[in-house]
Amino acid sequence: MAKVIITKELKDKIDGGEDFYLIDALSPDSFEARHIPGAKNVQNGQEFLSQFEEQVKAAKDAEIVIYCSSATCMASVQAAATLEKAGYTNVAHYKDGLAGWQDAGYKFEGEAVNQ
């Protein structure tokens, strides 16, 4: 089971310039509209692992944080489990997702943000 992190922990990692991979497990359309700064988009689904390995090229022991839309969205939980089954050893799930980030008043990147 992936470690769970909260909004403040993720914000501190980003602000501190920590070396980790932030993965948005939602659709490309959702990602283009808005995402947490610094995130890469790898949509959860049958091709998640192959797309993750092709696009992200993270080492098996790299720190990886995955999120989706909110605490009730299961895409990031499933994606984190997929990575752990594939041998990734430092996977965290940001359970509050986009909703938690917004509730905290933090900024997003994406097309919807720039309008």
Protein backbone atom coordinates (compact mmCIF):
# COMPACT_ATOMS: atom_id res chain seq x y z
CA MET A 1 0.00 0.00 0.00
CA ALA A 2 1.42 3.34 -1.04
CA LYS A 3 2.22 5.91 1.60
CA VAL A 4 -0.38 8.70 1.80
CA ILE A 5 0.67 12.34 1.90
CA ILE A 6 -1.39 15.44 2.61
CA THR A 7 -1.55 18.82 0.92
CA LYS A 8 0.99 20.53 3.19
CA GLU A 9 3.54 17.75 2.65
CA LEU A 10 3.23 18.02 -1.12
CA LYS A 11 3.43 21.82 -1.07
CA ASP A 12 6.55 21.63 1.13
CA LYS A 13 8.17 19.16 -1.31
CA ILE A 14 7.48 21.43 -4.28
CA ASP A 15 8.54 24.62 -2.49
CA GLY A 16 11.67 22.92 -1.16
CA GLY A 17 12.73 21.85 -4.64
CA GLU A 18 12.82 18.19 -3.66
CA ASP A 19 13.72 15.69 -6.35
CA PHE A 20 10.60 13.62 -7.02
CA TYR A 21 8.15 12.77 -9.78
CA LEU A 22 4.65 14.22 -9.50
CA ILE A 23 2.15 12.28 -11.61
CA ASP A 24 -1.38 13.36 -12.52
CA ALA A 25 -3.38 10.16 -13.18
CA LEU A 26 -6.33 11.93 -14.81
CA SER A 27 -7.18 12.30 -18.51
CA PRO A 28 -5.06 14.46 -20.83
CA ASP A 29 -8.01 16.88 -21.17
CA SER A 30 -8.21 17.32 -17.42
CA PHE A 31 -4.44 17.77 -17.22
CA GLU A 32 -4.44 20.42 -19.96
CA ALA A 33 -7.21 22.33 -18.17
CA ARG A 34 -5.41 22.40 -14.81
CA HIS A 35 -2.79 20.51 -12.87
CA ILE A 36 -0.48 20.95 -9.93
CA PRO A 37 2.72 22.78 -11.00
CA GLY A 38 5.49 20.43 -12.07
CA ALA A 39 3.23 17.44 -12.65
CA LYS A 40 3.49 15.04 -15.58
CA ASN A 41 0.37 13.42 -17.01
CA VAL A 42 0.12 9.64 -17.21
CA GLN A 43 -3.53 8.61 -17.33
CA ASN A 44 -4.52 5.66 -15.18
CA GLY A 45 -5.74 2.69 -17.19
CA GLN A 46 -4.59 -0.51 -18.85
CA GLU A 47 -1.58 1.19 -20.45
CA PHE A 48 -0.55 3.15 -17.33
CA LEU A 49 2.62 1.20 -16.53
CA SER A 50 4.00 1.13 -20.08
CA GLN A 51 3.19 4.83 -20.57
CA PHE A 52 4.72 5.72 -17.21
CA GLU A 53 7.94 3.84 -18.00
CA GLU A 54 8.14 5.34 -21.50
CA GLN A 55 7.38 8.95 -20.53
CA VAL A 56 8.79 9.30 -17.02
CA LYS A 57 11.76 6.92 -17.05
CA ALA A 58 11.99 6.93 -13.25
CA ALA A 59 14.35 4.61 -11.38
CA LYS A 60 12.62 1.90 -9.33
CA ASP A 61 13.70 3.64 -6.09
CA ALA A 62 12.80 7.19 -7.19
CA GLU A 63 10.24 9.10 -5.14
CA ILE A 64 6.93 9.20 -7.01
CA VAL A 65 3.80 11.06 -5.88
CA ILE A 66 0.54 10.32 -7.70
CA TYR A 67 -2.72 12.26 -7.51
CA CYS A 68 -6.11 12.54 -9.19
CA SER A 69 -9.16 14.74 -8.61
CA SER A 70 -10.10 14.23 -4.95
CA ALA A 71 -10.14 11.88 -1.98
CA THR A 72 -13.02 9.94 -3.57
CA CYS A 73 -11.26 9.44 -6.92
CA MET A 74 -9.60 6.03 -7.19
CA ALA A 75 -7.40 6.62 -10.26
CA SER A 76 -4.33 7.57 -8.22
CA VAL A 77 -4.83 4.70 -5.76
CA GLN A 78 -4.94 2.24 -8.66
CA ALA A 79 -1.97 3.85 -10.41
CA ALA A 80 0.11 3.75 -7.21
CA ALA A 81 -0.74 0.08 -6.72
CA THR A 82 0.28 -0.66 -10.33
CA LEU A 83 3.69 0.95 -9.77
CA GLU A 84 4.25 -0.90 -6.52
CA LYS A 85 3.40 -4.24 -8.19
CA ALA A 86 5.94 -3.36 -10.89
CA GLY A 87 8.68 -2.96 -8.27
CA TYR A 88 8.69 0.78 -7.58
CA THR A 89 9.62 1.14 -3.92
CA ASN A 90 9.00 4.81 -3.03
CA VAL A 91 5.45 5.56 -4.18
CA ALA A 92 3.16 8.00 -2.38
CA HIS A 93 -0.49 8.82 -2.96
CA TYR A 94 -1.59 12.45 -2.60
CA LYS A 95 -5.15 11.60 -1.61
CA ASP A 96 -6.64 15.11 -1.57
CA GLY A 97 -5.83 15.63 -5.25
CA LEU A 98 -6.88 18.68 -7.24
CA ALA A 99 -9.74 19.41 -4.82
CA GLY A 100 -7.40 19.54 -1.81
CA TRP A 101 -4.91 21.70 -3.68
CA GLN A 102 -7.69 24.13 -4.62
CA ASP A 103 -9.17 24.13 -1.10
CA ALA A 104 -5.75 25.14 0.25
CA GLY A 105 -5.72 28.11 -2.13
CA TYR A 106 -2.68 26.95 -4.11
CA LYS A 107 -2.16 27.82 -7.76
CA PHE A 108 -2.54 25.49 -10.76
CA GLU A 109 -0.97 25.37 -14.19
CA GLY A 110 -2.97 24.74 -17.37
CA GLU A 111 -5.22 26.31 -19.99
CA ALA A 112 -8.17 27.00 -17.67
CA VAL A 113 -5.88 28.83 -15.28
CA ASN A 114 -4.52 31.21 -17.92
CA GLN A 115 -7.90 32.43 -19.18
